[in-house]
C-alpha cells in the first residue's frame, strides 16, 4: 500500500498540470513535428542522393606488361581507361601527367600470380574503382580457368546449375485463409517497437527525474507538499509525463507512416508487382509481389492491432517502473553530477535489455528471449521483439503480471524514498540512508 492515503482528484490535478505544461511548450511541438521529418529524411535522403550520379570522370592508365588484360577494360560513366606503354612505370607517368587519377599495373599472369596487379594513386582508391577492376579481371580469370579444363559446354553447364531459391513462407490466419509472411519484416517490426520503448523510457524517465530535481532545487516542492502529499505529487508527475510520451508516440506513428508512404510513392519504390491477395491453401505457388506492394502484402500477415495493444501495455508497465525509480533518484540528489551515479545501474539494465532484444531476433523462442521477456527490467523491450512471432498467450500474460507487480512495488519503494528525500538538502544519501527511508512507516 502507498505510504499515504491517495487522493485521486489531487493526482488528476497534478497529472493535468504536468501534461498541459509540457505539451504547450514550443520545444514539444517542434520535436513532435520535426522528429518524423528527420526520420523520413534519414531513410529517403540517402536513397535520393545515391540515385544522383557523379558527373566527374576519372582517368585510369593501364600498364599491362603481359598484353592480355588491357583490352578487357571499357569506359564507364565515372572511369576512362587508357592503355599506355608496357615499359612505362607508375612513378614516371605520375610526375609527367597530373590528369591521371590512378594507374593499374599488371606485371604477370594473374592465374599464376594473383598479386601481380596493383592500383596506384596519390589519393585513396575509391571503392567503385576497385570493384570495377576486380569484376573485370575476375570474370576474365574465371573464363580462362574454365577453358583450361577442356570440358565441352562447361559454361552452359555452370549457368544451368546456378539455382537461386527463396522459399515462400505462408501464415495461416484464424479464418482459414493464408497470406505470405516474412520473418525479416517481423524482425524489423519488433526492433522498431523495442527501440521506441527504449528511447521513450530514457527520454521521459530522465524528464521525470529532472523535473523533480528542478522543483526541489527551486524549493517549489515545499509549497506543493503543503497541499498535496508526496505520493500524489510523484504519481501525478509520472502519469502526466507518461501521457505526454504516449501522445508524442501516437503523433509520430501517424506522421511517420504518412511520410514514409509519400516518400515511397515519390521515389517510385513501389515498382510493378502483383496485388497482395490472400493465398489459398493448396493452390499452386504464384510469383511473390515485389517492391513496396510486396512488403504491404506481407504486412497483412501481422496483427498490428494486437501488437500496438501490447506495445501500450508494456510501455505503461515499463515506464511506471523506471519513472518511479527516476523520480526517487531525483528526490535524493541536488545536482546532475550526483544523479548520474544513481542513474548508471538503470542505464546499464536498459542497454542490456536492448542488446538482449537484438540477439533475440534470430531466435525469439530461445532461452535468452524467454527469460529476458519475463524479467521486469528487460521484458518491455525484449517482449516486443517476440510478439510479432505470436508467442503463446500465457507467456505474455505472465510477463505482464510480473511487470505490473514489480511496477507497483517500485512505486511503493520510490514513494517512501521520495517523501523523505524531496525535503532533504545538502547531503547525498548512502545505501544505509535509503534503506532507512524505505523502512519508515
Protein backbone atom coordinates (compact mmCIF):
# COMPACT_ATOMS: atom_id res chain seq x y z
CA UNK A 1 0.00 0.00 0.00
CA UNK A 2 1.18 3.58 -0.60
CA UNK A 3 2.70 5.36 2.40
CA UNK A 4 -0.08 7.96 2.23
CA UNK A 5 -3.81 7.86 1.61
CA UNK A 6 -4.13 8.70 -2.04
CA UNK A 7 -6.42 11.41 -3.35
CA UNK A 8 -7.30 10.65 -6.98
CA UNK A 9 -8.55 14.20 -7.52
CA UNK A 10 -5.22 15.67 -6.50
CA UNK A 11 -3.34 13.11 -8.59
CA UNK A 12 -5.53 14.13 -11.53
CA UNK A 13 -4.77 17.81 -10.96
CA UNK A 14 -1.01 17.20 -10.83
CA UNK A 15 -1.24 14.93 -13.90
CA UNK A 16 -3.16 17.57 -15.83
CA UNK A 17 -0.69 20.26 -14.78
CA UNK A 18 2.33 18.25 -15.88
CA UNK A 19 0.70 17.21 -19.16
CA UNK A 20 -0.56 20.64 -20.24
CA UNK A 21 2.61 22.41 -19.12
CA UNK A 22 4.75 20.19 -21.33
CA UNK A 23 2.59 19.76 -24.43
CA UNK A 24 2.16 23.54 -24.67
CA UNK A 25 5.92 24.10 -24.84
CA UNK A 26 7.35 25.12 -28.20
CA UNK A 27 10.10 22.51 -27.80
CA UNK A 28 7.49 19.72 -27.56
CA UNK A 29 5.62 20.97 -30.64
CA UNK A 30 8.80 21.37 -32.69
CA UNK A 31 10.20 17.97 -31.63
CA UNK A 32 6.89 16.24 -32.32
CA UNK A 33 6.68 17.70 -35.81
CA UNK A 34 10.31 17.57 -36.90
CA UNK A 35 11.31 14.17 -35.46
CA UNK A 36 9.23 12.25 -38.08
CA UNK A 37 10.62 14.56 -40.76
CA UNK A 38 14.12 13.74 -39.55
CA UNK A 39 13.35 10.02 -39.52
CA UNK A 40 11.92 10.13 -43.04
CA UNK A 41 14.93 12.16 -44.14
CA UNK A 42 17.33 9.58 -42.69
CA UNK A 43 15.52 6.89 -44.70
CA UNK A 44 14.95 8.63 -48.03
CA UNK A 45 17.66 11.29 -48.40
CA UNK A 46 20.45 8.67 -48.70
CA UNK A 47 18.31 6.81 -51.27
CA UNK A 48 17.81 10.00 -53.22
CA UNK A 49 21.48 11.01 -53.02
CA UNK A 50 22.58 7.53 -54.08
CA UNK A 51 20.46 7.87 -57.23
CA UNK A 52 22.35 11.03 -58.27
CA UNK A 53 25.28 10.09 -60.47
CA UNK A 54 28.65 11.76 -60.21
CA UNK A 55 29.48 13.64 -63.43
CA UNK A 56 33.24 13.60 -62.82
CA UNK A 57 35.21 11.14 -64.95
CA UNK A 58 38.48 9.73 -63.62
CA UNK A 59 41.31 8.83 -65.97
CA UNK A 60 42.87 5.43 -65.31
CA UNK A 61 46.08 4.44 -67.10
CA UNK A 62 46.72 0.73 -67.62
CA UNK A 63 50.28 -0.58 -67.72
CA UNK A 64 49.85 -4.17 -68.93
CA UNK A 65 53.22 -5.90 -69.22
CA UNK A 66 51.58 -9.17 -70.29
CA UNK A 67 49.46 -7.75 -73.12
CA UNK A 68 46.48 -9.92 -72.04
CA UNK A 69 44.33 -7.71 -69.84
CA UNK A 70 44.34 -4.08 -71.01
CA UNK A 71 41.78 -4.73 -73.74
CA UNK A 72 39.24 -6.05 -71.23
CA UNK A 73 38.52 -2.64 -69.75
CA UNK A 74 35.92 -0.34 -71.28
CA UNK A 75 34.87 3.14 -70.20
CA UNK A 76 32.08 3.62 -67.65
CA UNK A 77 30.17 6.69 -66.51
CA UNK A 78 32.88 7.57 -63.99
CA UNK A 79 36.07 5.92 -65.27
CA UNK A 80 38.04 6.32 -68.50
CA UNK A 81 40.59 3.55 -69.09
CA UNK A 82 43.59 4.20 -71.32
CA UNK A 83 46.41 1.81 -72.20
CA UNK A 84 49.98 3.11 -72.02
CA UNK A 85 53.29 1.54 -72.93
CA UNK A 86 54.22 -1.70 -71.20
CA UNK A 87 57.70 -0.36 -70.44
CA UNK A 88 56.37 2.66 -68.54
CA UNK A 89 56.35 2.89 -64.73
CA UNK A 90 53.71 4.48 -62.46
CA UNK A 91 56.29 6.76 -60.81
CA UNK A 92 57.49 8.16 -64.14
CA UNK A 93 53.99 8.70 -65.53
CA UNK A 94 52.78 10.33 -62.30
CA UNK A 95 55.42 13.06 -62.45
CA UNK A 96 54.59 13.91 -66.04
CA UNK A 97 50.78 13.84 -66.12
CA UNK A 98 48.62 15.31 -63.37
CA UNK A 99 45.35 14.44 -65.15
CA UNK A 100 45.76 10.72 -64.39
CA UNK A 101 43.88 9.75 -61.26
CA UNK A 102 45.20 6.20 -60.88
CA UNK A 103 47.49 3.66 -62.56
CA UNK A 104 46.69 -0.04 -62.95
CA UNK A 105 49.88 -2.07 -63.32
CA UNK A 106 49.72 -5.76 -64.29
CA UNK A 107 53.14 -7.39 -64.39
CA UNK A 108 52.48 -11.14 -64.72
CA UNK A 109 49.89 -13.84 -65.47
CA UNK A 110 47.24 -13.35 -62.82
CA UNK A 111 46.20 -17.01 -62.75
CA UNK A 112 49.73 -17.95 -61.74
CA UNK A 113 50.41 -14.87 -59.66
CA UNK A 114 47.27 -13.11 -58.32
CA UNK A 115 49.44 -10.48 -56.59
CA UNK A 116 50.82 -9.23 -59.91
CA UNK A 117 48.19 -6.47 -60.25
CA UNK A 118 48.11 -3.22 -58.26
CA UNK A 119 46.35 0.15 -58.34
CA UNK A 120 48.47 3.25 -57.67
CA UNK A 121 47.08 6.68 -56.79
CA UNK A 122 48.01 9.74 -54.76
CA UNK A 123 44.54 9.62 -53.18
CA UNK A 124 42.64 6.83 -51.50
CA UNK A 125 41.34 4.43 -54.15
CA UNK A 126 37.51 4.73 -54.41
CA UNK A 127 35.56 1.58 -53.68
CA UNK A 128 33.77 1.83 -57.05
CA UNK A 129 37.07 1.79 -58.95
CA UNK A 130 38.41 -1.19 -57.02
CA UNK A 131 35.12 -3.05 -57.54
CA UNK A 132 35.16 -2.33 -61.29
CA UNK A 133 38.72 -3.60 -61.71
CA UNK A 134 38.04 -6.67 -59.56
CA UNK A 135 34.89 -7.54 -61.50
CA UNK A 136 36.53 -7.21 -64.94
CA UNK A 137 39.58 -9.27 -64.03
CA UNK A 138 37.57 -11.85 -62.05
CA UNK A 139 35.22 -12.55 -64.98
CA UNK A 140 38.14 -12.99 -67.38
CA UNK A 141 40.10 -15.21 -65.00
CA UNK A 142 37.03 -17.39 -64.33
CA UNK A 143 36.51 -17.86 -68.07
CA UNK A 144 40.20 -18.60 -68.55
CA UNK A 145 40.20 -21.11 -65.70
CA UNK A 146 37.12 -22.92 -67.04
CA UNK A 147 38.62 -23.05 -70.53
CA UNK A 148 41.73 -24.76 -69.11
CA UNK A 149 39.60 -27.79 -68.12
CA UNK A 150 38.76 -28.53 -71.79
CA UNK A 151 35.22 -29.66 -70.96
CA UNK A 152 32.69 -29.07 -73.78
CA UNK A 153 29.81 -26.68 -72.93
CA UNK A 154 31.18 -26.10 -69.42
CA UNK A 155 29.84 -22.52 -69.31
CA UNK A 156 26.31 -23.68 -70.12
CA UNK A 157 26.55 -26.44 -67.51
CA UNK A 158 27.63 -23.99 -64.82
CA UNK A 159 24.91 -21.50 -65.72
CA UNK A 160 22.26 -24.22 -65.67
CA UNK A 161 23.45 -25.44 -62.27
CA UNK A 162 23.25 -21.99 -60.64
CA UNK A 163 19.89 -22.03 -58.85
CA UNK A 164 18.81 -19.26 -56.51
CA UNK A 165 15.98 -20.45 -54.30
CA UNK A 166 13.92 -18.28 -51.97
CA UNK A 167 11.20 -20.27 -50.25
CA UNK A 168 7.84 -18.61 -49.79
CA UNK A 169 6.64 -18.51 -46.19
CA UNK A 170 2.89 -18.76 -45.66
CA UNK A 171 0.99 -17.94 -42.48
CA UNK A 172 -2.43 -19.38 -41.75
CA UNK A 173 -5.00 -16.90 -40.49
CA UNK A 174 -7.68 -17.76 -37.97
CA UNK A 175 -10.37 -17.70 -40.67
CA UNK A 176 -8.57 -20.45 -42.60
CA UNK A 177 -7.04 -18.25 -45.31
CA UNK A 178 -3.29 -17.93 -45.81
CA UNK A 179 -1.13 -14.94 -46.58
CA UNK A 180 2.53 -14.63 -47.41
CA UNK A 181 4.66 -13.65 -44.41
CA UNK A 182 8.26 -12.60 -43.80
CA UNK A 183 10.46 -13.23 -40.78
CA UNK A 184 12.66 -10.31 -41.85
CA UNK A 185 9.71 -7.91 -41.67
CA UNK A 186 8.74 -9.39 -38.30
CA UNK A 187 12.25 -8.70 -37.00
CA UNK A 188 12.11 -5.11 -38.25
CA UNK A 189 8.70 -4.52 -36.63
CA UNK A 190 9.89 -5.98 -33.33
CA UNK A 191 13.11 -3.98 -33.30
CA UNK A 192 11.31 -0.71 -34.11
CA UNK A 193 8.89 -1.12 -31.21
CA UNK A 194 11.76 -2.19 -28.93
CA UNK A 195 13.80 0.86 -29.84
CA UNK A 196 10.80 3.18 -29.38
CA UNK A 197 10.20 1.84 -25.85
CA UNK A 198 13.91 2.16 -25.02
CA UNK A 199 14.06 5.73 -26.34
CA UNK A 200 10.92 6.83 -24.51
CA UNK A 201 11.94 5.19 -21.23
CA UNK A 202 15.22 7.09 -21.27
CA UNK A 203 13.80 10.37 -22.52
CA UNK A 204 10.73 10.61 -20.31
CA UNK A 205 12.27 8.86 -17.32
CA UNK A 206 15.03 11.45 -17.35
CA UNK A 207 12.37 14.15 -17.77
CA UNK A 208 10.68 12.95 -14.55
CA UNK A 209 13.99 12.99 -12.69
CA UNK A 210 15.00 16.45 -13.88
CA UNK A 211 11.52 17.80 -13.13
CA UNK A 212 11.76 16.55 -9.54
CA UNK A 213 15.29 17.94 -9.18
CA UNK A 214 14.21 21.32 -10.56
CA UNK A 215 11.30 21.64 -8.14
CA UNK A 216 13.47 20.50 -5.25
CA UNK A 217 16.29 22.93 -6.10
CA UNK A 218 13.88 25.87 -6.53
CA UNK A 219 12.13 24.98 -3.24
CA UNK A 220 8.79 24.87 -5.11
CA UNK A 221 8.15 21.42 -3.72
CA UNK A 222 8.00 22.79 -0.18
CA UNK A 223 4.92 24.79 -1.14
CA UNK A 224 3.36 21.94 -3.14
CA UNK A 225 3.62 19.33 -0.38
CA UNK A 226 1.69 21.62 1.93
CA UNK A 227 -1.46 20.87 -0.11
CA UNK A 228 -0.56 17.61 -1.90
CA UNK A 229 1.07 14.64 -0.21
CA UNK A 230 4.36 13.46 -1.74
CA UNK A 231 2.91 10.20 -3.12
CA UNK A 232 0.13 12.00 -5.03
CA UNK A 233 2.69 14.52 -6.26
CA UNK A 234 5.04 11.80 -7.51
CA UNK A 235 2.28 9.78 -9.19
CA UNK A 236 0.80 12.85 -10.83
CA UNK A 237 4.18 13.80 -12.25
CA UNK A 238 4.81 10.25 -13.51
CA UNK A 239 1.35 9.92 -15.10
CA UNK A 240 1.39 13.39 -16.64
CA UNK A 241 4.77 12.93 -18.30
CA UNK A 242 3.78 9.40 -19.36
CA UNK A 243 0.72 10.77 -21.15
CA UNK A 244 2.99 13.25 -22.90
CA UNK A 245 5.08 10.33 -24.13
CA UNK A 246 2.04 8.39 -25.38
CA UNK A 247 0.73 11.49 -27.14
CA UNK A 248 4.03 12.08 -28.85
CA UNK A 249 4.38 8.40 -29.82
CA UNK A 250 0.90 8.40 -31.40
CA UNK A 251 1.60 11.58 -33.40
CA UNK A 252 4.98 10.22 -34.50
CA UNK A 253 3.43 6.95 -35.69
CA UNK A 254 0.82 8.76 -37.78
CA UNK A 255 3.22 11.30 -39.28
CA UNK A 256 5.97 8.75 -39.93
CA UNK A 257 3.58 6.37 -41.68
CA UNK A 258 2.30 9.20 -43.87
CA UNK A 259 5.78 10.48 -44.71
CA UNK A 260 7.17 7.03 -45.47
CA UNK A 261 4.18 6.28 -47.71
CA UNK A 262 4.56 9.59 -49.53
CA UNK A 263 8.31 9.09 -49.92
CA UNK A 264 7.77 5.59 -51.30
CA UNK A 265 5.43 6.93 -53.99
CA UNK A 266 7.61 9.93 -54.85
CA UNK A 267 10.78 7.87 -55.22
CA UNK A 268 8.99 5.18 -57.20
CA UNK A 269 9.87 2.41 -54.78
CA UNK A 270 6.55 0.66 -55.29
CA UNK A 271 7.53 -0.82 -58.60
CA UNK A 272 5.45 -3.26 -60.51
CA UNK A 273 4.06 -6.09 -58.60
CA UNK A 274 1.10 -8.27 -58.09
CA UNK A 275 -1.57 -7.35 -55.61
CA UNK A 276 -1.15 -8.85 -52.19
CA UNK A 277 -4.23 -11.07 -52.37
CA UNK A 278 -4.59 -13.84 -49.79
CA UNK A 279 -3.22 -17.17 -50.95
CA UNK A 280 -5.50 -20.17 -50.95
CA UNK A 281 -4.10 -23.22 -49.24
CA UNK A 282 -3.41 -25.94 -51.77
CA UNK A 283 -3.19 -23.63 -54.77
CA UNK A 284 -0.02 -23.60 -56.89
CA UNK A 285 2.61 -21.12 -55.79
CA UNK A 286 2.49 -17.83 -57.64
CA UNK A 287 5.20 -15.26 -58.10
CA UNK A 288 5.60 -13.22 -54.94
CA UNK A 289 4.85 -9.49 -55.16
CA UNK A 290 7.88 -7.25 -55.43
CA UNK A 291 8.76 -3.80 -54.14
CA UNK A 292 6.62 -1.86 -51.70
CA UNK A 293 3.48 -3.70 -52.83
CA UNK A 294 5.08 -6.99 -51.87
CA UNK A 295 6.04 -5.62 -48.46
CA UNK A 296 2.49 -4.37 -47.90
CA UNK A 297 1.14 -7.78 -48.84
CA UNK A 298 3.41 -9.46 -46.29
CA UNK A 299 2.50 -6.92 -43.63
CA UNK A 300 -1.06 -8.25 -43.77
CA UNK A 301 0.08 -11.40 -42.03
CA UNK A 302 0.85 -9.40 -38.87
CA UNK A 303 -1.85 -8.46 -36.36
CA UNK A 304 -0.95 -4.82 -35.82
CA UNK A 305 -3.90 -4.18 -33.52
CA UNK A 306 -2.58 -6.83 -31.15
CA UNK A 307 1.00 -5.56 -31.47
CA UNK A 308 0.00 -1.96 -30.71
CA UNK A 309 -2.15 -3.01 -27.72
CA UNK A 310 0.74 -4.98 -26.27
CA UNK A 311 3.09 -2.09 -27.01
CA UNK A 312 0.91 0.27 -24.97
CA UNK A 313 0.64 -2.23 -22.10
CA UNK A 314 4.37 -2.93 -21.94
CA UNK A 315 5.21 0.73 -22.39
CA UNK A 316 2.98 1.72 -19.46
CA UNK A 317 4.36 -1.02 -17.19
CA UNK A 318 7.98 -0.31 -18.12
CA UNK A 319 7.52 3.44 -17.91
CA UNK A 320 5.89 3.36 -14.45
CA UNK A 321 8.65 1.05 -13.16
CA UNK A 322 11.55 3.11 -14.45
CA UNK A 323 9.91 6.53 -13.97
CA UNK A 324 9.25 5.82 -10.30
CA UNK A 325 12.92 4.93 -9.85
CA UNK A 326 13.93 8.07 -11.75
CA UNK A 327 11.63 10.13 -9.52
CA UNK A 328 13.17 8.61 -6.41
CA UNK A 329 16.63 9.36 -7.82
CA UNK A 330 15.70 12.98 -8.48
CA UNK A 331 14.41 13.37 -4.93
CA UNK A 332 17.66 12.09 -3.40
CA UNK A 333 20.14 14.39 -5.16
CA UNK A 334 20.70 18.09 -5.61
CA UNK A 335 22.93 18.16 -8.70
CA UNK A 336 23.12 16.42 -12.10
CA UNK A 337 26.55 15.00 -11.26
CA UNK A 338 25.14 13.10 -8.30
CA UNK A 339 22.17 11.97 -10.39
CA UNK A 340 24.48 10.34 -12.95
CA UNK A 341 25.84 7.97 -10.32
CA UNK A 342 22.36 6.78 -9.33
CA UNK A 343 21.21 6.56 -12.97
CA UNK A 344 24.07 4.32 -14.06
CA UNK A 345 22.56 0.99 -12.86
CA UNK A 346 19.26 1.77 -14.60
CA UNK A 347 21.03 2.76 -17.82
CA UNK A 348 23.03 -0.47 -17.78
CA UNK A 349 19.83 -2.51 -17.37
CA UNK A 350 18.12 -0.72 -20.27
CA UNK A 351 21.13 -1.09 -22.56
CA UNK A 352 21.34 -4.78 -21.66
CA UNK A 353 17.63 -5.13 -22.47
CA UNK A 354 18.12 -3.62 -25.92
CA UNK A 355 21.03 -5.92 -26.70
CA UNK A 356 19.09 -8.91 -25.40
CA UNK A 357 16.29 -7.92 -27.76
CA UNK A 358 18.68 -7.62 -30.70
CA UNK A 359 20.22 -11.03 -30.01
CA UNK A 360 16.72 -12.50 -29.67
CA UNK A 361 15.76 -11.51 -33.21
CA UNK A 362 17.25 -14.69 -34.68
CA UNK A 363 15.78 -16.96 -32.01
CA UNK A 364 12.66 -15.38 -30.45
CA UNK A 365 11.83 -18.61 -28.59
CA UNK A 366 15.34 -19.25 -27.24
CA UNK A 367 16.36 -19.18 -23.56
CA UNK A 368 17.69 -15.60 -23.72
CA UNK A 369 14.48 -14.27 -25.26
CA UNK A 370 12.24 -16.31 -22.96
CA UNK A 371 13.82 -15.39 -19.64
CA UNK A 372 14.53 -11.76 -20.50
CA UNK A 373 10.89 -11.35 -21.58
CA UNK A 374 9.83 -12.37 -18.05
CA UNK A 375 12.30 -10.27 -16.04
CA UNK A 376 10.51 -6.94 -15.35
CA UNK A 377 13.59 -4.78 -16.02
CA UNK A 378 14.02 -6.21 -19.53
CA UNK A 379 10.58 -7.52 -20.52
CA UNK A 380 9.18 -4.26 -22.03
CA UNK A 381 11.90 -4.27 -24.69
CA UNK A 382 12.56 -7.98 -25.24
CA UNK A 383 8.90 -8.98 -25.36
CA UNK A 384 8.22 -6.54 -28.21
CA UNK A 385 10.76 -8.47 -30.30
CA UNK A 386 8.86 -11.72 -29.70
CA UNK A 387 5.25 -10.53 -30.05
CA UNK A 388 5.27 -10.28 -33.90
CA UNK A 389 6.07 -14.02 -33.92
CA UNK A 390 2.84 -14.77 -31.97
CA UNK A 391 4.26 -16.44 -28.90
CA UNK A 392 1.96 -18.38 -26.51
CA UNK A 393 -0.52 -16.14 -24.73
CA UNK A 394 0.40 -17.47 -21.30
CA UNK A 395 3.93 -16.12 -21.69
CA UNK A 396 2.62 -12.65 -22.47
CA UNK A 397 0.19 -12.85 -19.55
CA UNK A 398 2.90 -13.95 -17.09
CA UNK A 399 5.24 -11.25 -18.37
CA UNK A 400 2.61 -8.53 -17.93
CA UNK A 401 1.67 -9.82 -14.47
CA UNK A 402 5.30 -9.75 -13.31
CA UNK A 403 5.87 -6.35 -14.91
CA UNK A 404 2.88 -4.68 -13.28
CA UNK A 405 3.50 -6.36 -9.92
CA UNK A 406 7.05 -5.04 -9.97
CA UNK A 407 5.80 -1.60 -11.08
CA UNK A 408 3.53 -1.45 -8.02
CA UNK A 409 6.44 -2.50 -5.82
CA UNK A 410 8.79 0.08 -7.34
CA UNK A 411 6.16 2.80 -6.90
CA UNK A 412 5.75 1.80 -3.24
CA UNK A 413 9.50 1.83 -2.59
CA UNK A 414 10.07 5.02 -4.58
CA UNK A 415 7.25 6.80 -2.78
CA UNK A 416 8.88 6.09 0.59
CA UNK A 417 12.22 7.40 -0.70
CA UNK A 418 10.54 10.35 -2.40
CA UNK A 419 8.63 11.61 0.66
CA UNK A 420 11.87 11.89 2.69
CA UNK A 421 14.39 12.77 0.01
CA UNK A 422 12.33 15.55 -1.59
CA UNK A 423 12.68 17.69 1.57
CA UNK A 424 16.37 16.97 2.27
CA UNK A 425 19.11 19.27 1.01
CA UNK A 426 22.86 19.38 1.07
CA UNK A 427 23.53 15.71 1.73
CA UNK A 428 23.88 12.85 -0.74
CA UNK A 429 22.33 9.76 0.87
CA UNK A 430 24.21 6.48 1.07
CA UNK A 431 22.72 2.99 0.83
CA UNK A 432 22.09 2.83 4.59
CA UNK A 433 20.10 6.07 4.47
CA UNK A 434 17.98 4.83 1.58
CA UNK A 435 17.19 1.57 3.38
CA UNK A 436 16.20 3.52 6.48
CA UNK A 437 13.86 5.75 4.45
CA UNK A 438 12.17 2.69 2.95
CA UNK A 439 11.66 1.15 6.39
CA UNK A 440 9.92 4.24 7.70
CA UNK A 441 6.18 3.59 8.07
